Protein backbone atom coordinates (compact mmCIF):
# COMPACT_ATOMS: atom_id res chain seq x y z
CA MET A 1 72.43 97.28 63.94
CA PRO A 2 71.54 100.45 62.13
CA VAL A 3 72.29 100.81 58.61
CA ARG A 4 72.94 104.27 57.39
CA ASN A 5 71.98 103.91 53.64
CA VAL A 6 70.52 101.53 51.07
CA LYS A 7 74.08 100.70 49.81
CA GLU A 8 74.97 99.02 53.02
CA MET A 9 71.59 97.41 53.15
CA ILE A 10 72.26 95.75 49.90
CA ILE A 11 75.62 94.78 50.87
CA LEU A 12 74.25 93.36 53.98
CA LEU A 13 71.41 91.40 52.15
CA ILE A 14 74.26 89.78 49.75
CA LEU A 15 76.23 88.51 52.90
CA LEU A 16 72.84 87.25 54.22
CA LEU A 17 72.11 85.23 51.04
CA SER A 18 75.76 83.94 50.84
CA LEU A 19 75.38 82.29 54.21
CA PRO A 20 74.10 78.74 52.96
CA ALA A 21 77.02 78.59 50.39
CA VAL A 22 79.55 79.04 53.27
CA VAL A 23 77.77 76.73 55.67
CA PHE A 24 77.54 74.05 52.81
CA GLY A 25 81.36 74.61 52.46
CA LEU A 26 82.05 73.74 55.99
CA PHE A 27 80.06 70.44 56.08
CA ASP A 28 80.77 69.38 52.51
CA GLU A 29 83.73 67.40 53.59
CA THR A 30 82.75 66.33 56.96
CA ASN A 31 79.23 65.42 56.68
CA ASP A 32 78.30 62.20 54.55
CA SER A 33 74.60 63.24 54.51
CA ALA A 34 75.63 65.82 52.13
CA ALA A 35 75.23 63.41 49.18
CA ASP A 36 71.48 62.90 50.12
CA GLY A 37 70.77 66.63 50.32
CA LEU A 38 71.96 69.82 51.69
CA PRO A 39 72.99 69.73 55.36
CA TYR A 40 70.62 72.84 55.98
CA ASP A 41 67.53 74.20 55.33
CA LEU A 42 66.85 77.77 54.19
CA SER A 43 63.48 79.50 54.70
CA GLY A 44 62.01 82.85 55.37
CA TYR A 45 59.81 85.46 54.09
CA PHE A 46 59.21 89.05 52.66
CA ARG A 47 56.77 91.30 54.11
CA SER A 48 55.22 94.62 53.80
CA SER A 49 53.21 96.36 56.32
CA ILE A 50 51.31 99.83 56.68
CA PHE A 51 49.53 101.13 59.97
CA GLY A 52 47.65 104.25 60.49
CA TRP A 53 45.21 105.70 62.77
CA GLU A 54 43.12 108.93 63.56
CA ALA A 55 45.01 111.84 64.94
CA PRO A 56 43.34 113.04 68.08
CA GLU A 57 44.40 116.70 67.61
CA ASN A 58 42.68 117.08 64.22
CA ASN A 59 40.72 113.72 63.35
CA ILE A 60 42.65 112.85 60.40
CA ILE A 61 43.95 109.53 59.67
CA GLN A 62 47.69 109.74 59.74
CA LEU A 63 50.44 106.94 58.95
CA GLN A 64 51.88 105.63 62.02
CA SER A 65 54.55 103.14 60.73
CA ALA A 66 55.20 101.40 57.36
CA PHE A 67 58.08 98.81 56.87
CA CYS A 68 59.17 96.36 54.37
CA GLU A 69 61.19 93.16 55.97
CA VAL A 70 62.88 90.27 54.73
CA SER A 71 63.57 87.42 57.19
CA MET A 72 66.10 84.50 56.37
CA LYS A 73 66.04 81.34 58.55
CA LEU A 74 68.92 78.90 58.36
CA LYS A 75 68.68 75.75 60.05
CA ILE A 76 71.71 73.19 60.33
CA LYS A 77 70.20 69.76 60.08
CA LYS A 78 70.50 67.67 63.19
CA MET A 79 73.62 65.51 63.51
CA PRO A 80 74.77 62.92 66.17
CA PHE A 81 76.10 65.71 68.21
CA GLY A 82 73.66 68.60 67.49
CA ASP A 83 72.28 71.28 65.37
CA GLY A 84 71.88 74.98 64.69
CA PHE A 85 69.42 77.67 63.92
CA CYS A 86 69.74 81.31 62.92
CA GLU A 87 67.17 83.98 61.87
CA LEU A 88 68.22 87.27 60.43
CA ARG A 89 65.96 90.07 59.70
CA ALA A 90 66.45 93.29 57.64
CA ASN A 91 63.88 96.11 57.31
CA MET A 92 63.33 99.51 55.91
CA THR A 93 60.93 101.33 58.07
CA VAL A 94 59.24 104.74 58.22
CA ASP A 95 58.23 106.08 61.45
CA ASN A 96 56.55 109.58 62.17
CA GLY A 97 57.99 110.38 58.72
CA GLU A 98 61.72 109.18 59.54
CA TYR A 99 63.28 106.70 57.22
CA TYR A 100 65.80 104.16 58.78
CA THR A 101 67.09 100.61 57.83
CA GLU A 102 68.31 98.24 60.13
CA MET A 103 69.57 94.51 60.23
CA ASN A 104 69.08 92.47 63.59
CA LEU A 105 69.55 88.83 64.62
CA ARG A 106 66.25 87.58 65.79
CA GLU A 107 67.74 84.13 67.05
CA GLY A 108 70.87 82.50 66.75
CA TYR A 109 71.96 79.40 68.71
CA ILE A 110 73.73 75.99 68.60
CA ASN A 111 72.12 72.88 70.22
CA LEU A 112 74.25 69.96 71.56
CA TYR A 113 72.63 66.43 72.60
CA PRO A 114 75.24 64.58 75.02
CA GLY A 115 72.84 61.77 76.08
CA LYS A 116 69.88 62.71 78.17
CA PHE A 117 70.85 66.00 78.29
CA SER A 118 70.59 69.04 75.67
CA PHE A 119 72.24 72.30 75.69
CA ARG A 120 71.40 75.41 73.63
CA PHE A 121 73.72 78.47 73.71
CA GLY A 122 73.35 81.80 71.84
CA HIS A 123 70.69 84.58 71.25
CA GLN A 124 67.21 83.10 72.06
CA ILE A 125 63.68 84.13 73.12
CA VAL A 126 62.27 82.01 75.81
CA VAL A 127 58.69 81.66 76.34
CA TRP A 128 57.47 80.35 79.71
CA GLY A 129 54.15 79.41 80.95
CA ARG A 130 50.98 77.88 79.70
CA ALA A 131 48.33 80.46 79.71
CA ASP A 132 47.19 82.50 76.53
CA GLY A 133 48.00 86.02 76.37
CA PHE A 134 49.41 86.80 79.77
CA ASN A 135 51.98 84.47 81.57
CA PRO A 136 53.19 85.79 85.10
CA THR A 137 56.05 83.34 84.79
CA ASP A 138 57.43 84.55 81.36
CA ASN A 139 60.28 86.72 82.76
CA ILE A 140 63.26 85.29 80.97
CA THR A 141 63.57 87.63 77.90
CA PRO A 142 62.37 91.07 77.15
CA ARG A 143 59.64 92.67 75.04
CA ASP A 144 59.01 95.78 72.96
CA MET A 145 55.30 96.40 73.36
CA LEU A 146 55.83 99.64 71.04
CA ARG A 147 56.52 97.48 68.09
CA PHE A 148 54.08 97.79 65.20
CA SER A 149 53.53 94.29 63.66
CA ALA A 150 50.83 92.17 62.29
CA ASP A 151 52.41 89.07 64.29
CA GLU A 152 52.03 89.19 68.03
CA ASP A 153 55.34 87.41 68.67
CA ASP A 154 57.34 89.98 67.16
CA VAL A 155 57.10 91.96 70.17
CA ARG A 156 59.41 89.44 71.91
CA LEU A 157 63.08 90.00 72.04
CA GLY A 158 66.00 87.72 72.38
CA ASN A 159 68.93 87.62 74.90
CA LEU A 160 72.43 85.63 75.16
CA LEU A 161 71.39 82.68 77.30
CA LEU A 162 72.72 79.12 78.19
CA ARG A 163 69.73 76.94 78.13
CA SER A 164 70.02 73.15 79.14
CA PHE A 165 67.46 70.44 79.60
CA TYR A 166 67.65 67.02 81.18
CA ASN A 167 64.91 64.44 80.12
CA ALA A 168 63.81 61.69 82.65
CA ARG A 169 60.24 60.98 81.72
CA PRO A 170 57.78 61.86 83.03
CA PHE A 171 60.01 64.69 84.12
CA ARG A 172 61.93 67.21 82.14
CA MET A 173 64.39 69.58 84.03
CA GLU A 174 65.32 72.81 82.68
CA ALA A 175 67.94 75.32 83.77
CA ILE A 176 68.85 78.88 82.31
CA TRP A 177 71.95 81.16 82.76
CA ILE A 178 71.48 84.80 81.78
CA PRO A 179 74.93 86.29 81.73
CA LEU A 180 73.92 89.64 80.39
CA TYR A 181 70.89 92.09 81.18
CA CYS A 182 68.67 93.06 78.42
CA SER A 183 65.87 95.58 78.89
CA SER A 184 62.09 95.68 77.68
CA THR A 185 61.06 98.88 75.84
CA LEU A 186 59.48 101.20 78.30
CA PRO A 187 56.72 103.81 76.91
CA THR A 188 58.64 106.63 78.19
CA ASP A 189 58.58 108.58 75.01
CA ILE A 190 54.78 108.25 75.04
CA ILE A 191 54.05 109.03 78.64
CA SER A 192 53.76 112.60 79.84
CA PHE A 193 55.63 113.69 82.64
CA PRO A 194 55.10 116.93 84.81
CA PRO A 195 57.42 120.10 84.18
CA GLY A 196 60.81 120.01 85.66
CA VAL A 197 61.44 116.20 84.99
CA THR A 198 64.60 115.47 83.00
CA PHE A 199 65.18 111.99 81.44
CA GLN A 200 68.82 110.72 81.42
CA ASP A 201 69.95 107.45 79.46
CA PRO A 202 69.71 104.36 81.62
CA GLU A 203 72.55 102.50 83.17
CA TYR A 204 71.72 98.93 83.31
CA PRO A 205 73.87 96.30 85.31
CA PRO A 206 77.14 95.64 83.70
CA GLY A 207 78.17 92.20 82.45
CA GLU A 208 79.54 90.95 85.86
CA LEU A 209 79.03 87.42 87.09
CA LYS A 210 77.30 88.80 90.02
CA ASN A 211 74.64 90.60 87.83
CA SER A 212 73.93 87.41 85.97
CA GLY A 213 70.41 85.51 86.38
CA TYR A 214 69.40 82.12 86.44
CA ALA A 215 66.17 80.19 86.23
CA LEU A 216 65.03 76.58 87.06
CA LYS A 217 62.22 74.60 86.02
CA VAL A 218 60.76 71.07 86.46
CA ASN A 219 58.18 70.07 83.95
CA LEU A 220 55.64 66.96 84.62
CA LEU A 221 54.70 65.54 81.17
CA THR A 222 51.86 62.86 81.35
CA SER A 223 49.11 61.81 78.92
CA ALA A 224 46.46 63.29 81.40
CA ALA A 225 48.05 66.62 82.10
CA ASP A 226 51.32 68.95 81.93
CA GLY A 227 52.58 71.17 84.61
CA SER A 228 55.77 72.73 85.99
CA VAL A 229 57.20 74.39 89.03
CA SER A 230 59.83 77.17 88.33
CA TYR A 231 61.84 79.68 89.78
CA PHE A 232 63.60 82.71 88.33
CA ASN A 233 66.41 84.86 90.17
CA GLY A 234 67.60 87.70 88.26
CA PHE A 235 66.97 91.32 86.97
CA ASN A 236 63.48 92.13 85.73
CA PRO A 237 63.54 92.50 81.96
CA SER A 238 60.78 95.49 82.80
CA PRO A 239 62.81 98.31 84.77
CA GLY A 240 61.28 100.99 86.77
CA ILE A 241 62.00 104.71 86.58
CA ASP A 242 64.33 105.88 89.44
CA ILE A 243 65.11 109.50 90.71
CA ILE A 244 68.91 109.81 90.12
CA GLY A 245 69.29 113.57 90.94
CA GLU A 246 68.05 116.92 90.99
CA THR A 247 68.44 120.35 89.10
CA ALA A 248 67.68 123.75 90.05
CA THR A 249 64.19 123.40 88.66
CA GLY A 250 63.26 119.67 89.15
CA ILE A 251 64.59 116.11 89.26
CA ILE A 252 66.61 114.02 86.95
CA VAL A 253 65.20 110.44 86.21
CA SER A 254 66.19 107.31 84.54
CA PRO A 255 65.11 103.67 83.90
CA LYS A 256 66.80 101.47 86.54
CA ALA A 257 66.57 97.58 86.67
CA TYR A 258 66.16 95.68 89.76
CA ARG A 259 66.58 91.89 90.88
CA ILE A 260 63.61 89.83 91.79
CA HIS A 261 62.55 86.37 92.78
CA VAL A 262 59.78 84.61 90.98
CA ILE A 263 58.26 81.59 92.04
CA GLY A 264 55.69 79.89 89.74
CA VAL A 265 53.45 77.05 88.98
CA ASP A 266 51.42 76.24 85.88
CA LEU A 267 49.01 73.58 84.82
CA SER A 268 47.25 72.52 81.69
CA THR A 269 44.86 69.50 81.27
CA VAL A 270 41.76 68.41 79.56
CA ILE A 271 38.47 68.09 81.43
CA GLY A 272 37.13 65.07 79.82
CA ARG A 273 35.61 65.81 76.37
CA LEU A 274 34.42 69.34 77.80
CA PHE A 275 37.19 71.75 77.42
CA GLY A 276 40.84 72.14 77.97
CA PHE A 277 41.91 73.89 81.24
CA ARG A 278 44.99 76.10 81.96
CA GLY A 279 46.05 77.76 85.31
CA GLU A 280 49.16 79.55 86.20
CA PHE A 281 50.36 81.26 89.46
CA ALA A 282 53.36 83.41 90.21
CA TYR A 283 54.74 85.17 93.33
CA LYS A 284 57.08 88.07 92.70
CA LYS A 285 59.22 89.95 95.09
CA ALA A 286 62.26 92.24 94.75
CA TYR A 287 65.53 91.91 96.45
CA GLU A 288 65.72 95.38 97.66
CA PRO A 289 62.76 97.10 99.75
CA PHE A 290 60.37 98.80 97.73
CA GLU A 291 59.51 101.18 100.48
CA ALA A 292 63.04 102.80 100.05
CA ASN A 293 63.20 102.75 96.12
CA ILE A 294 60.73 104.37 93.99
CA HIS A 295 61.25 102.44 90.91
CA ILE A 296 60.71 98.98 92.74
CA PRO A 297 57.05 97.68 92.82
CA ASN A 298 55.52 96.05 95.91
CA PRO A 299 55.69 92.12 96.13
CA GLU A 300 52.72 90.77 94.31
CA LEU A 301 50.58 87.48 93.38
CA ASN A 302 49.53 86.67 89.97
CA TYR A 303 47.16 84.19 88.95
CA VAL A 304 45.50 83.22 85.42
CA PHE A 305 42.80 80.72 85.02
CA GLY A 306 41.35 79.86 81.51
CA VAL A 307 39.45 77.34 79.56
CA ASP A 308 39.48 76.61 75.88
CA LYS A 309 37.35 74.65 73.35
CA GLU A 310 37.63 73.52 69.69
CA TYR A 311 34.45 73.04 67.77
CA PHE A 312 34.28 70.87 64.40
CA GLY A 313 37.85 71.97 63.79
CA VAL A 314 37.27 75.36 62.67
CA PHE A 315 35.96 77.41 65.59
CA THR A 316 38.02 77.84 68.80
CA ILE A 317 37.38 79.81 71.80
CA VAL A 318 39.69 80.65 74.72
CA PHE A 319 38.36 82.44 77.87
CA GLN A 320 40.83 83.39 80.85
CA TYR A 321 40.34 85.28 84.18
CA MET A 322 43.56 87.26 85.16
CA GLY A 323 44.16 88.60 88.72
CA LYS A 324 46.60 90.18 90.67
CA TYR A 325 47.09 90.83 94.58
CA ILE A 326 49.32 93.53 95.72
CA LEU A 327 51.05 92.90 99.17
CA GLU A 328 51.55 95.51 101.58
CA TYR A 329 49.54 97.92 99.41
CA THR A 330 48.86 101.34 100.55
CA GLU A 331 46.99 104.19 98.77
CA PRO A 332 49.06 106.98 97.16
CA VAL A 333 48.86 110.33 99.29
CA PRO A 334 49.67 113.60 97.45
CA PRO A 335 52.34 115.61 99.16
CA VAL A 336 51.77 118.97 100.86
CA LEU A 337 54.89 120.59 99.65
CA PRO A 338 55.09 121.54 95.86
CA GLN A 339 58.65 120.62 95.50
CA GLU A 340 57.71 116.96 96.13
CA MET A 341 55.05 116.80 93.43
CA ALA A 342 57.23 115.75 90.63
CA ALA A 343 58.46 112.69 92.81
CA TYR A 344 54.99 111.89 93.50
CA GLN A 345 54.28 111.96 89.70
CA ILE A 346 57.11 109.56 89.10
CA HIS A 347 55.71 107.29 91.94
CA LEU A 348 52.36 107.27 90.06
CA LYS A 349 54.05 106.61 86.71
CA ASN A 350 55.78 103.52 88.11
CA ARG A 351 52.50 102.20 89.76
CA MET A 352 50.89 102.62 86.29
CA ILE A 353 53.66 100.70 84.45
CA SER A 354 53.77 97.89 86.92
CA LEU A 355 49.96 97.59 87.04
CA GLN A 356 50.08 98.29 90.88
CA GLN A 357 47.70 101.33 90.86
CA HIS A 358 45.01 99.33 93.12
CA GLU A 359 45.48 96.48 95.67
CA TYR A 360 43.61 93.84 93.44
CA MET A 361 43.44 93.78 89.65
CA ASN A 362 40.78 91.86 88.00
CA ALA A 363 40.60 91.07 84.14
CA ALA A 364 38.86 88.96 81.31
CA PHE A 365 40.41 87.76 78.21
CA LEU A 366 38.62 86.47 75.14
CA ARG A 367 39.97 84.90 72.06
CA ILE A 368 37.60 83.68 69.10
CA GLY A 369 39.13 82.03 66.03
CA LEU A 370 37.26 80.79 62.72
CA ASN A 371 39.01 79.00 59.99
CA LEU A 372 36.98 78.65 56.70
CA LEU A 373 37.46 77.59 52.96
CA TYR A 374 39.94 74.88 53.95
CA GLU A 375 41.97 77.34 56.41
CA THR A 376 42.54 79.69 53.43
CA LEU A 377 40.47 82.25 55.55
CA LYS A 378 40.83 83.09 58.87
CA LEU A 379 38.92 85.45 61.24
CA GLU A 380 39.90 86.22 64.73
CA PHE A 381 38.90 88.37 67.57
CA LEU A 382 40.81 88.97 70.70
CA GLY A 383 39.68 91.10 73.62
CA MET A 384 40.86 91.99 77.17
CA TYR A 385 39.19 94.18 79.79
CA ARG A 386 40.70 95.21 82.99
CA HIS A 387 37.77 95.73 85.35
CA THR A 388 39.95 97.39 88.14
CA THR A 389 41.39 100.10 85.96
CA GLU A 390 38.68 100.45 83.18
CA GLU A 391 41.20 99.68 80.38
CA SER A 392 40.66 97.44 77.40
CA PHE A 393 42.36 96.09 74.30
CA SER A 394 40.57 94.66 71.21
CA LEU A 395 42.01 93.22 68.11
CA MET A 396 40.03 92.15 65.15
CA ARG A 397 41.71 90.64 61.91
CA ILE A 398 41.02 88.57 58.81
CA SER A 399 43.62 86.78 56.94
CA TYR A 400 43.25 85.11 53.39
CA ALA A 401 45.70 82.97 51.90
CA ILE A 402 45.74 83.79 48.23
CA ALA A 403 48.46 80.94 47.59
CA ASP A 404 50.04 78.45 49.81
CA ALA A 405 52.74 81.01 50.56
CA LEU A 406 51.05 84.42 50.13
CA VAL A 407 48.90 85.74 52.92
CA CYS A 408 47.28 89.11 53.16
CA THR A 409 45.92 90.24 56.66
CA LEU A 410 43.53 93.24 57.24
CA GLY A 411 43.13 94.33 61.00
CA VAL A 412 42.63 96.58 63.79
CA LYS A 413 43.80 97.06 67.24
CA VAL A 414 42.49 99.58 69.88
CA TYR A 415 43.84 100.44 73.19
CA SER A 416 41.55 102.51 75.66
CA GLY A 417 41.21 103.60 79.10
CA PRO A 418 41.34 106.53 81.74
CA GLU A 419 43.98 109.14 80.98
CA ASP A 420 45.79 107.76 84.39
CA SER A 421 45.88 104.21 82.96
CA LEU A 422 48.60 102.59 80.95
CA TYR A 423 46.38 101.85 77.76
CA GLY A 424 44.77 105.34 78.16
CA THR A 425 48.25 106.77 77.77
CA ILE A 426 49.38 104.70 74.84
CA GLY A 427 46.28 104.27 72.98
CA ASP A 428 46.41 107.09 70.62
CA HIS A 429 50.01 105.86 69.84
CA LEU A 430 49.46 102.16 69.44
CA SER A 431 45.77 101.68 68.25
CA ALA A 432 45.96 101.10 64.81
CA LEU A 433 44.16 100.09 61.41
CA TYR A 434 46.69 97.98 59.36
CA PHE A 435 47.19 95.78 56.17
CA ASP A 436 50.01 93.25 55.91
CA ILE A 437 51.10 91.02 52.91
CA LYS A 438 53.44 88.20 53.61
CA ILE A 439 55.24 85.72 50.99
CA SER A 440 57.12 82.82 52.67
CA PHE A 441 59.68 80.55 51.05
């Protein structure tokens, strides 16, 4: 929810801070446990961050983004019938010289616990898969990959969901209903398009029952291994770019969602005392034929295999191999007619966004962490290299806890690759040196 000025921001913060009193008033007469303490937990944080990088046109360090953010987390304590959770965030941000303030609901939901069943309804973030960094079965809620943040989880966005569980050890069944579509953020403002291409606002699926999505998952939880089989049927949170019309000088394009099936399997176990093992597999296919729709990618197989190990309680290492196989792949052929070149370029951009530029995609992922000084000093390195497209991403950061609740982080993240690759396209915009200070309460 955009806020037009500082006065409105202050009013919203006052309302936010008054929530606990309102909740306490609701429960004061109905909850006997209030005498032993408040029926809720209130926590949150204040954070300030600044991001900068070298401008490619003049080699001068420029400010990319800076923001101050406050998060308020309200948790209603568990009662016989259920509990609740809400996180509101308010921030003031400077992006490319423009100031704006906003308040948004990160998550807000109610849990109900009738017997072996449990239900969660509200605005939620759902993470599926057991791999680290890349989860091919993680298709429930969208992401904003263009967000500047020192916290990797901040790229995740929520959506209105009904999520249910049934516990029957060693099995745990899960079902999710997605009544409304919510899109991930595409880098269309960063990607350069050929002359003659005009962008139009997207028209995503309306909130009709036929457009809702659903997902099913069966988890097997044992002392030796954890695993699951899952199925997703709904609109892909990451849309494609479709051609919706023509002009006298070119074409009109717009982001467009498409419905997909995803069948997934994942496994997590420990190989003796040597290391942990994680594997994940997913088959994805759109409802509509990709041959007749420029915004729809080919069917694909995704697979991830990884190992992790901890040494002496202070050093951790994670290594993963990530692969993708594109079914019915064909090499793109440049058109003969000049008037068809714009459509051909859109086709190539869609392949780049969906990582289907080659029949096979091979990548390696490495994460190394070191905790020192009784876990007050943390050093981390994260790197990923796609051999097929010669793209890479690296992140190095150091965090120091000045006090129990006060943490400072200094880091640098770099995206790189050829000009026709995704990371090569967004590298100059998202690569950043950053400083973050956060106090929690």
